[in-house]
Amino acid sequence: MNAPALPLDLSGRTVLVAGGGSAGPGWSIGRASCVTYARLGAQVCVVDRDAASADETTALIRAEGGSALTLQGDLAEEGDIVRVFAAAREHYGRIDVLHHNAGIGKTGGPMETSAADLERVHAVNVRSLLLCTQQVLPGMVEQGRGAIVAIASVAGMRYVGYPHLAYSVTKAAVMQFTRMVAQQYAPHGVRANTVVPGLIDTPRIAGTVAHMFSQDSLDEARQARARQVPMGRMGSAWEVAHACAFLASDAAAYITGTELVVDGGLTGKYA
């Protein structure tokens, strides 16, 4: 019997990436994932609150000969979610993969986190995952197949050296939410998994967590983050994107309801 070829191919499939722009110049996880999906043959719906940032991702895909569509929408708003998913289905006919990449945070512990802070972070990180999932499940069940890839964080699994309460508890919720969907919809051919990045070198760190490591220099903050990781460096957006592409493809056909940790060994570290 011949061994099967590795089915790391998304030709003919439509992937919707919720959060496909970037917080600044360079490669975010969402942007790298969009380009990776397109390189594997997928049609990509690039959804982001920032239309210009989404357009930049779409342009990168089209420059390589891929198919992509920009859809502007705020994932904290249910009406926007309904609208962008309807537009995606109208344009491409179906959605085969949901990649939920949207996420915001606020540093601080319980005394620095207001109820409004927690509700705001929860709306983007968890509530939008529910609403996006509700948009794709009926079609995936009808097709008899589909994949959901949600982006969590090692902050949802352990303390990462500084207080990040709202972000951490919502990323923990993302993992459990995805496990529950996987169990209920496995008989329908729908897989749901979570990718759990560690300390990743993306544009986001400049505006969110760098000040927790250094008040003086972004480079110092980046070096401090790198020293935390057993491999001695932060990960790249591409390394996370490749894990996402694996879980979205038939190469992961027997994988559902679990977490793929991409962290350079960080979560296994004692101190």
C-alpha atoms as a PDB file:
ATOM      1  CA  MET A   1       0.000   0.000   0.000  1.00  0.00           C
ATOM      2  CA  ASN A   2       1.402   3.380  -0.988  1.00  0.00           C
ATOM      3  CA  ALA A   3       1.709   6.012   1.730  1.00  0.00           C
ATOM      4  CA  PRO A   4      -0.679   8.941   1.160  1.00  0.00           C
ATOM      5  CA  ALA A   5       0.675  12.319   0.150  1.00  0.00           C
ATOM      6  CA  LEU A   6       0.650  15.075   2.749  1.00  0.00           C
ATOM      7  CA  PRO A   7      -2.626  16.907   2.055  1.00  0.00           C
ATOM      8  CA  LEU A   8      -1.383  20.365   3.013  1.00  0.00           C
ATOM      9  CA  ASP A   9      -3.535  21.957   0.342  1.00  0.00           C
ATOM     10  CA  LEU A  10      -6.464  24.368   0.524  1.00  0.00           C
ATOM     11  CA  SER A  11      -7.199  24.686  -3.186  1.00  0.00           C
ATOM     12  CA  GLY A  12     -10.815  25.559  -3.882  1.00  0.00           C
ATOM     13  CA  ARG A  13     -11.602  26.419  -0.275  1.00  0.00           C
ATOM     14  CA  THR A  14     -12.628  29.728   1.207  1.00  0.00           C
ATOM     15  CA  VAL A  15     -10.973  30.883   4.409  1.00  0.00           C
ATOM     16  CA  LEU A  16     -12.340  33.821   6.380  1.00  0.00           C
ATOM     17  CA  VAL A  17      -9.769  35.422   8.653  1.00  0.00           C
ATOM     18  CA  ALA A  18     -11.335  37.562  11.346  1.00  0.00           C
ATOM     19  CA  GLY A  19      -8.561  39.998  12.182  1.00  0.00           C
ATOM     20  CA  GLY A  20      -6.528  39.801   8.982  1.00  0.00           C
ATOM     21  CA  GLY A  21      -4.904  43.211   9.170  1.00  0.00           C
ATOM     22  CA  SER A  22      -2.000  44.332  11.331  1.00  0.00           C
ATOM     23  CA  ALA A  23      -1.633  46.654  14.316  1.00  0.00           C
ATOM     24  CA  GLY A  24       1.318  48.324  12.604  1.00  0.00           C
ATOM     25  CA  PRO A  25       3.849  47.918   9.817  1.00  0.00           C
ATOM     26  CA  GLY A  26       5.079  44.364   9.411  1.00  0.00           C
ATOM     27  CA  TRP A  27       3.696  40.865   9.758  1.00  0.00           C
ATOM     28  CA  SER A  28       0.968  40.195  12.278  1.00  0.00           C
ATOM     29  CA  ILE A  29      -0.291  36.661  12.884  1.00  0.00           C
ATOM     30  CA  GLY A  30      -3.484  37.498  10.997  1.00  0.00           C
ATOM     31  CA  ARG A  31      -1.682  38.930   7.963  1.00  0.00           C
ATOM     32  CA  ALA A  32       0.860  36.095   7.772  1.00  0.00           C
ATOM     33  CA  SER A  33      -1.975  33.580   8.090  1.00  0.00           C
ATOM     34  CA  CYS A  34      -3.926  35.178   5.240  1.00  0.00           C
ATOM     35  CA  VAL A  35      -0.924  35.021   2.931  1.00  0.00           C
ATOM     36  CA  THR A  36      -0.147  31.443   3.984  1.00  0.00           C
ATOM     37  CA  TYR A  37      -3.688  30.276   3.280  1.00  0.00           C
ATOM     38  CA  ALA A  38      -3.568  31.921  -0.129  1.00  0.00           C
ATOM     39  CA  ARG A  39      -0.235  30.274  -0.942  1.00  0.00           C
ATOM     40  CA  LEU A  40      -1.915  26.932  -0.255  1.00  0.00           C
ATOM     41  CA  GLY A  41      -4.591  27.752  -2.836  1.00  0.00           C
ATOM     42  CA  ALA A  42      -7.379  29.172  -0.679  1.00  0.00           C
ATOM     43  CA  GLN A  43      -9.618  32.118  -1.452  1.00  0.00           C
ATOM     44  CA  VAL A  44      -9.196  34.452   1.504  1.00  0.00           C
ATOM     45  CA  CYS A  45     -11.680  36.871   3.054  1.00  0.00           C
ATOM     46  CA  VAL A  46      -9.637  39.430   4.975  1.00  0.00           C
ATOM     47  CA  VAL A  47     -11.796  40.915   7.722  1.00  0.00           C
ATOM     48  CA  ASP A  48     -10.569  43.782   9.869  1.00  0.00           C
ATOM     49  CA  ARG A  49     -11.879  46.904  11.574  1.00  0.00           C
ATOM     50  CA  ASP A  50      -9.169  48.878   9.763  1.00  0.00           C
ATOM     51  CA  ALA A  51     -10.058  48.743   6.071  1.00  0.00           C
ATOM     52  CA  ALA A  52      -6.692  50.139   4.966  1.00  0.00           C
ATOM     53  CA  SER A  53      -4.828  47.462   6.901  1.00  0.00           C
ATOM     54  CA  ALA A  54      -7.065  44.736   5.470  1.00  0.00           C
ATOM     55  CA  ASP A  55      -6.509  46.160   1.992  1.00  0.00           C
ATOM     56  CA  GLU A  56      -2.760  45.905   2.508  1.00  0.00           C
ATOM     57  CA  THR A  57      -3.112  42.199   3.286  1.00  0.00           C
ATOM     58  CA  THR A  58      -5.394  41.683   0.293  1.00  0.00           C
ATOM     59  CA  ALA A  59      -2.893  43.462  -1.967  1.00  0.00           C
ATOM     60  CA  LEU A  60      -0.077  41.199  -0.782  1.00  0.00           C
ATOM     61  CA  ILE A  61      -2.131  38.128  -1.692  1.00  0.00           C
ATOM     62  CA  ARG A  62      -3.142  39.464  -5.088  1.00  0.00           C
ATOM     63  CA  ALA A  63       0.448  40.443  -5.869  1.00  0.00           C
ATOM     64  CA  GLU A  64       1.320  36.749  -5.610  1.00  0.00           C
ATOM     65  CA  GLY A  65      -1.571  35.779  -7.884  1.00  0.00           C
ATOM     66  CA  GLY A  66      -3.949  34.737  -5.110  1.00  0.00           C
ATOM     67  CA  SER A  67      -7.624  35.505  -4.606  1.00  0.00           C
ATOM     68  CA  ALA A  68      -8.618  37.747  -1.714  1.00  0.00           C
ATOM     69  CA  LEU A  69     -11.468  40.004  -0.652  1.00  0.00           C
ATOM     70  CA  THR A  70     -11.335  42.860   1.854  1.00  0.00           C
ATOM     71  CA  LEU A  71     -14.273  43.069   4.256  1.00  0.00           C
ATOM     72  CA  GLN A  72     -14.298  45.909   6.761  1.00  0.00           C
ATOM     73  CA  GLY A  73     -16.072  45.305  10.038  1.00  0.00           C
ATOM     74  CA  ASP A  74     -15.809  45.733  13.799  1.00  0.00           C
ATOM     75  CA  LEU A  75     -16.010  42.279  15.365  1.00  0.00           C
ATOM     76  CA  ALA A  76     -17.288  43.790  18.597  1.00  0.00           C
ATOM     77  CA  GLU A  77     -20.484  44.683  16.697  1.00  0.00           C
ATOM     78  CA  GLU A  78     -22.937  41.886  15.901  1.00  0.00           C
ATOM     79  CA  GLY A  79     -24.390  43.770  12.947  1.00  0.00           C
ATOM     80  CA  ASP A  80     -20.944  44.070  11.362  1.00  0.00           C
ATOM     81  CA  ILE A  81     -20.327  40.349  11.802  1.00  0.00           C
ATOM     82  CA  VAL A  82     -23.602  39.425  10.117  1.00  0.00           C
ATOM     83  CA  ARG A  83     -22.851  41.805   7.263  1.00  0.00           C
ATOM     84  CA  VAL A  84     -19.284  40.657   6.527  1.00  0.00           C
ATOM     85  CA  PHE A  85     -20.150  36.959   6.625  1.00  0.00           C
ATOM     86  CA  ALA A  86     -23.079  37.535   4.281  1.00  0.00           C
ATOM     87  CA  ALA A  87     -20.753  39.392   1.909  1.00  0.00           C
ATOM     88  CA  ALA A  88     -18.197  36.570   2.062  1.00  0.00           C
ATOM     89  CA  ARG A  89     -20.810  33.953   1.209  1.00  0.00           C
ATOM     90  CA  GLU A  90     -22.201  36.106  -1.592  1.00  0.00           C
ATOM     91  CA  HIS A  91     -18.758  36.593  -3.132  1.00  0.00           C
ATOM     92  CA  TYR A  92     -17.303  33.090  -2.768  1.00  0.00           C
ATOM     93  CA  GLY A  93     -20.411  30.978  -2.212  1.00  0.00           C
ATOM     94  CA  ARG A  94     -19.258  29.241   0.958  1.00  0.00           C
ATOM     95  CA  ILE A  95     -16.905  29.423   3.928  1.00  0.00           C
ATOM     96  CA  ASP A  96     -14.808  26.322   4.548  1.00  0.00           C
ATOM     97  CA  VAL A  97     -12.477  27.628   7.254  1.00  0.00           C
ATOM     98  CA  LEU A  98     -13.010  30.202   9.987  1.00  0.00           C
ATOM     99  CA  HIS A  99      -9.778  31.587  11.384  1.00  0.00           C
ATOM    100  CA  HIS A 100     -10.646  33.717  14.418  1.00  0.00           C
ATOM    101  CA  ASN A 101      -7.664  35.952  15.024  1.00  0.00           C
ATOM    102  CA  ALA A 102      -9.309  39.005  16.590  1.00  0.00           C
ATOM    103  CA  GLY A 103      -7.975  39.891  19.989  1.00  0.00           C
ATOM    104  CA  ILE A 104      -7.351  42.873  22.227  1.00  0.00           C
ATOM    105  CA  GLY A 105      -5.964  43.184  25.734  1.00  0.00           C
ATOM    106  CA  LYS A 106      -5.342  45.447  28.670  1.00  0.00           C
ATOM    107  CA  THR A 107      -2.449  45.046  31.058  1.00  0.00           C
ATOM    108  CA  GLY A 108      -3.187  45.094  34.765  1.00  0.00           C
ATOM    109  CA  GLY A 109      -4.461  42.872  37.545  1.00  0.00           C
ATOM    110  CA  PRO A 110      -7.843  42.802  39.271  1.00  0.00           C
ATOM    111  CA  MET A 111      -7.473  46.218  40.876  1.00  0.00           C
ATOM    112  CA  GLU A 112      -6.472  47.842  37.579  1.00  0.00           C
ATOM    113  CA  THR A 113      -9.176  46.127  35.520  1.00  0.00           C
ATOM    114  CA  SER A 114     -12.654  47.623  35.606  1.00  0.00           C
ATOM    115  CA  ALA A 115     -15.802  45.721  34.764  1.00  0.00           C
ATOM    116  CA  ALA A 116     -16.008  47.828  31.615  1.00  0.00           C
ATOM    117  CA  ASP A 117     -12.445  46.831  30.682  1.00  0.00           C
ATOM    118  CA  LEU A 118     -13.275  43.163  31.050  1.00  0.00           C
ATOM    119  CA  GLU A 119     -16.493  43.505  29.080  1.00  0.00           C
ATOM    120  CA  ARG A 120     -14.683  45.322  26.244  1.00  0.00           C
ATOM    121  CA  VAL A 121     -11.955  42.673  25.983  1.00  0.00           C
ATOM    122  CA  HIS A 122     -14.487  39.858  26.298  1.00  0.00           C
ATOM    123  CA  ALA A 123     -16.597  41.349  23.491  1.00  0.00           C
ATOM    124  CA  VAL A 124     -13.734  41.110  21.008  1.00  0.00           C
ATOM    125  CA  ASN A 125     -11.945  37.996  22.238  1.00  0.00           C
ATOM    126  CA  VAL A 126     -14.860  35.717  23.172  1.00  0.00           C
ATOM    127  CA  ARG A 127     -18.227  37.150  22.190  1.00  0.00           C
ATOM    128  CA  SER A 128     -17.086  37.699  18.606  1.00  0.00           C
ATOM    129  CA  LEU A 129     -15.830  34.105  18.444  1.00  0.00           C
ATOM    130  CA  LEU A 130     -19.320  32.922  19.385  1.00  0.00           C
ATOM    131  CA  LEU A 131     -20.973  35.174  16.800  1.00  0.00           C
ATOM    132  CA  CYS A 132     -18.511  34.217  14.045  1.00  0.00           C
ATOM    133  CA  THR A 133     -18.925  30.538  14.840  1.00  0.00           C
ATOM    134  CA  GLN A 134     -22.696  30.869  14.648  1.00  0.00           C
ATOM    135  CA  GLN A 135     -22.272  32.332  11.176  1.00  0.00           C
ATOM    136  CA  VAL A 136     -20.273  29.390   9.792  1.00  0.00           C
ATOM    137  CA  LEU A 137     -21.658  26.301  11.541  1.00  0.00           C
ATOM    138  CA  PRO A 138     -24.893  25.889   9.523  1.00  0.00           C
ATOM    139  CA  GLY A 139     -23.009  25.960   6.225  1.00  0.00           C
ATOM    140  CA  MET A 140     -20.293  23.649   7.471  1.00  0.00           C
ATOM    141  CA  VAL A 141     -22.851  21.133   8.724  1.00  0.00           C
ATOM    142  CA  GLU A 142     -24.645  21.260   5.377  1.00  0.00           C
ATOM    143  CA  GLN A 143     -21.337  20.697   3.560  1.00  0.00           C
ATOM    144  CA  GLY A 144     -20.380  17.905   5.933  1.00  0.00           C
ATOM    145  CA  ARG A 145     -16.995  19.465   6.593  1.00  0.00           C
ATOM    146  CA  GLY A 146     -15.333  22.580   7.928  1.00  0.00           C
ATOM    147  CA  ALA A 147     -12.544  23.788  10.156  1.00  0.00           C
ATOM    148  CA  ILE A 148     -12.418  26.426  12.861  1.00  0.00           C
ATOM    149  CA  VAL A 149      -9.023  27.697  14.003  1.00  0.00           C
ATOM    150  CA  ALA A 150      -9.104  30.040  16.995  1.00  0.00           C
ATOM    151  CA  ILE A 151      -6.088  31.967  18.238  1.00  0.00           C
ATOM    152  CA  ALA A 152      -5.576  31.905  21.993  1.00  0.00           C
ATOM    153  CA  SER A 153      -2.382  32.649  23.952  1.00  0.00           C
ATOM    154  CA  VAL A 154      -0.093  31.039  26.495  1.00  0.00           C
ATOM    155  CA  ALA A 155      -1.428  33.797  28.763  1.00  0.00           C
ATOM    156  CA  GLY A 156      -4.622  31.727  28.897  1.00  0.00           C
ATOM    157  CA  MET A 157      -2.653  28.781  30.287  1.00  0.00           C
ATOM    158  CA  ARG A 158      -0.211  30.334  32.738  1.00  0.00           C
ATOM    159  CA  TYR A 159       1.053  33.564  34.264  1.00  0.00           C
ATOM    160  CA  VAL A 160       3.469  35.168  31.816  1.00  0.00           C
ATOM    161  CA  GLY A 161       5.435  37.399  34.159  1.00  0.00           C
ATOM    162  CA  TYR A 162       3.206  40.461  34.364  1.00  0.00           C
ATOM    163  CA  PRO A 163      -0.491  41.074  35.177  1.00  0.00           C
ATOM    164  CA  HIS A 164      -2.671  40.741  32.080  1.00  0.00           C
ATOM    165  CA  LEU A 165      -5.935  39.661  33.666  1.00  0.00           C
ATOM    166  CA  ALA A 166      -8.619  40.517  31.105  1.00  0.00           C
ATOM    167  CA  TYR A 167      -6.600  39.175  28.194  1.00  0.00           C
ATOM    168  CA  SER A 168      -5.606  36.015  30.050  1.00  0.00           C
ATOM    169  CA  VAL A 169      -9.060  34.985  31.227  1.00  0.00           C
ATOM    170  CA  THR A 170     -10.627  35.627  27.831  1.00  0.00           C
ATOM    171  CA  LYS A 171      -7.947  33.596  26.045  1.00  0.00           C
ATOM    172  CA  ALA A 172      -8.602  30.742  28.464  1.00  0.00           C
ATOM    173  CA  ALA A 173     -12.263  31.022  27.497  1.00  0.00           C
ATOM    174  CA  VAL A 174     -11.333  30.818  23.799  1.00  0.00           C
ATOM    175  CA  MET A 175      -9.704  27.436  24.386  1.00  0.00           C
ATOM    176  CA  GLN A 176     -12.639  25.978  26.296  1.00  0.00           C
ATOM    177  CA  PHE A 177     -15.163  27.398  23.842  1.00  0.00           C
ATOM    178  CA  THR A 178     -13.339  25.739  20.957  1.00  0.00           C
ATOM    179  CA  ARG A 179     -13.168  22.404  22.781  1.00  0.00           C
ATOM    180  CA  MET A 180     -16.929  22.479  23.307  1.00  0.00           C
ATOM    181  CA  VAL A 181     -17.651  23.234  19.646  1.00  0.00           C
ATOM    182  CA  ALA A 182     -15.317  20.426  18.593  1.00  0.00           C
ATOM    183  CA  GLN A 183     -17.126  17.851  20.691  1.00  0.00           C
ATOM    184  CA  GLN A 184     -20.617  18.815  19.595  1.00  0.00           C
ATOM    185  CA  TYR A 185     -19.868  19.121  15.889  1.00  0.00           C
ATOM    186  CA  ALA A 186     -17.365  16.294  15.333  1.00  0.00           C
ATOM    187  CA  PRO A 187     -20.157  13.987  14.043  1.00  0.00           C
ATOM    188  CA  HIS A 188     -20.931  16.605  11.370  1.00  0.00           C
ATOM    189  CA  GLY A 189     -17.390  16.699   9.976  1.00  0.00           C
ATOM    190  CA  VAL A 190     -16.552  20.037  11.577  1.00  0.00           C
ATOM    191  CA  ARG A 191     -13.202  20.295  13.340  1.00  0.00           C
ATOM    192  CA  ALA A 192     -12.335  23.031  15.854  1.00  0.00           C
ATOM    193  CA  ASN A 193      -8.892  23.619  17.315  1.00  0.00           C
ATOM    194  CA  THR A 194      -6.938  26.367  19.010  1.00  0.00           C
ATOM    195  CA  VAL A 195      -3.470  27.614  18.180  1.00  0.00           C
ATOM    196  CA  VAL A 196      -1.747  28.930  21.293  1.00  0.00           C
ATOM    197  CA  PRO A 197       1.097  31.342  20.495  1.00  0.00           C
ATOM    198  CA  GLY A 198       3.753  32.185  23.015  1.00  0.00           C
ATOM    199  CA  LEU A 199       5.860  35.328  22.840  1.00  0.00           C
ATOM    200  CA  ILE A 200       5.622  36.293  19.174  1.00  0.00           C
ATOM    201  CA  ASP A 201       7.480  39.197  17.570  1.00  0.00           C
ATOM    202  CA  THR A 202       4.663  41.114  15.884  1.00  0.00           C
ATOM    203  CA  PRO A 203       3.736  44.817  15.538  1.00  0.00           C
ATOM    204  CA  ARG A 204       1.242  44.392  18.376  1.00  0.00           C
ATOM    205  CA  ILE A 205       3.869  44.254  21.120  1.00  0.00           C
ATOM    206  CA  ALA A 206       4.927  47.867  20.613  1.00  0.00           C
ATOM    207  CA  GLY A 207       1.522  49.183  21.577  1.00  0.00           C
ATOM    208  CA  THR A 208       0.434  46.706  24.220  1.00  0.00           C
ATOM    209  CA  VAL A 209       3.022  44.899  26.330  1.00  0.00           C
ATOM    210  CA  ALA A 210       6.444  46.408  25.598  1.00  0.00           C
ATOM    211  CA  HIS A 211       6.118  48.855  28.489  1.00  0.00           C
ATOM    212  CA  MET A 212       5.820  45.915  30.910  1.00  0.00           C
ATOM    213  CA  PHE A 213       9.420  44.971  30.055  1.00  0.00           C
ATOM    214  CA  SER A 214      11.099  48.331  29.443  1.00  0.00           C
ATOM    215  CA  GLN A 215      10.016  51.937  29.790  1.00  0.00           C
ATOM    216  CA  ASP A 216      12.917  53.158  27.668  1.00  0.00           C
ATOM    217  CA  SER A 217      13.344  51.069  24.550  1.00  0.00           C
ATOM    218  CA  LEU A 218      11.329  48.748  22.330  1.00  0.00           C
ATOM    219  CA  ASP A 219      14.530  46.873  21.525  1.00  0.00           C
ATOM    220  CA  GLU A 220      15.174  46.327  25.240  1.00  0.00           C
ATOM    221  CA  ALA A 221      11.629  45.022  25.629  1.00  0.00           C
ATOM    222  CA  ARG A 222      12.061  42.653  22.695  1.00  0.00           C
ATOM    223  CA  GLN A 223      15.328  41.351  24.144  1.00  0.00           C
ATOM    224  CA  ALA A 224      13.737  40.838  27.559  1.00  0.00           C
ATOM    225  CA  ARG A 225      10.897  38.848  26.003  1.00  0.00           C
ATOM    226  CA  ALA A 226      13.364  36.743  24.028  1.00  0.00           C
ATOM    227  CA  ARG A 227      15.285  35.877  27.214  1.00  0.00           C
ATOM    228  CA  GLN A 228      12.140  34.357  28.713  1.00  0.00           C
ATOM    229  CA  VAL A 229      11.922  31.699  26.012  1.00  0.00           C
ATOM    230  CA  PRO A 230      13.934  28.444  26.288  1.00  0.00           C
ATOM    231  CA  MET A 231      14.775  28.661  22.582  1.00  0.00           C
ATOM    232  CA  GLY A 232      16.239  32.116  23.238  1.00  0.00           C
ATOM    233  CA  ARG A 233      14.074  34.045  20.812  1.00  0.00           C
ATOM    234  CA  MET A 234      10.539  35.171  20.170  1.00  0.00           C
ATOM    235  CA  GLY A 235       8.576  33.360  17.516  1.00  0.00           C
ATOM    236  CA  SER A 236       7.602  34.853  14.184  1.00  0.00           C
ATOM    237  CA  ALA A 237       4.121  35.422  12.842  1.00  0.00           C
ATOM    238  CA  TRP A 238       4.923  32.914  10.092  1.00  0.00           C
ATOM    239  CA  GLU A 239       5.616  30.150  12.588  1.00  0.00           C
ATOM    240  CA  VAL A 240       2.147  30.630  14.044  1.00  0.00           C
ATOM    241  CA  ALA A 241       0.585  30.929  10.587  1.00  0.00           C
ATOM    242  CA  HIS A 242       2.085  27.620   9.495  1.00  0.00           C
ATOM    243  CA  ALA A 243       0.528  25.897  12.518  1.00  0.00           C
ATOM    244  CA  CYS A 244      -2.833  27.431  11.621  1.00  0.00           C
ATOM    245  CA  ALA A 245      -2.560  26.250   8.023  1.00  0.00           C
ATOM    246  CA  PHE A 246      -1.835  22.721   9.184  1.00  0.00           C
ATOM    247  CA  LEU A 247      -4.944  22.634  11.374  1.00  0.00           C
ATOM    248  CA  ALA A 248      -7.084  24.149   8.613  1.00  0.00           C
ATOM    249  CA  SER A 249      -5.982  21.524   6.094  1.00  0.00           C
ATOM    250  CA  ASP A 250      -6.745  17.847   5.646  1.00  0.00           C
ATOM    251  CA  ALA A 251      -3.292  17.107   7.014  1.00  0.00           C
ATOM    252  CA  ALA A 252      -5.035  17.546  10.393  1.00  0.00           C
ATOM    253  CA  ALA A 253      -8.151  15.575   9.419  1.00  0.00           C
ATOM    254  CA  TYR A 254      -8.111  13.520  12.638  1.00  0.00           C
ATOM    255  CA  ILE A 255      -7.335  16.422  14.965  1.00  0.00           C
ATOM    256  CA  THR A 256     -10.114  18.267  16.764  1.00  0.00           C
ATOM    257  CA  GLY A 257     -10.808  19.730  20.190  1.00  0.00           C
ATOM    258  CA  THR A 258      -7.206  20.374  21.118  1.00  0.00           C
ATOM    259  CA  GLU A 259      -4.548  23.065  21.363  1.00  0.00           C
ATOM    260  CA  LEU A 260      -1.399  23.406  19.279  1.00  0.00           C
ATOM    261  CA  VAL A 261       1.073  25.379  21.377  1.00  0.00           C
ATOM    262  CA  VAL A 262       3.624  27.423  19.414  1.00  0.00           C
ATOM    263  CA  ASP A 263       5.833  28.879  22.120  1.00  0.00           C
ATOM    264  CA  GLY A 264       9.482  27.813  21.853  1.00  0.00           C
ATOM    265  CA  GLY A 265       9.094  25.748  25.031  1.00  0.00           C
ATOM    266  CA  LEU A 266       7.807  28.584  27.209  1.00  0.00           C
ATOM    267  CA  THR A 267       4.875  26.813  28.865  1.00  0.00           C
ATOM    268  CA  GLY A 268       7.071  23.884  29.870  1.00  0.00           C
ATOM    269  CA  LYS A 269       9.536  26.149  31.645  1.00  0.00           C
ATOM    270  CA  TYR A 270       9.644  26.045  35.445  1.00  0.00           C
ATOM    271  CA  ALA A 271      10.888  29.579  36.028  1.00  0.00           C
END
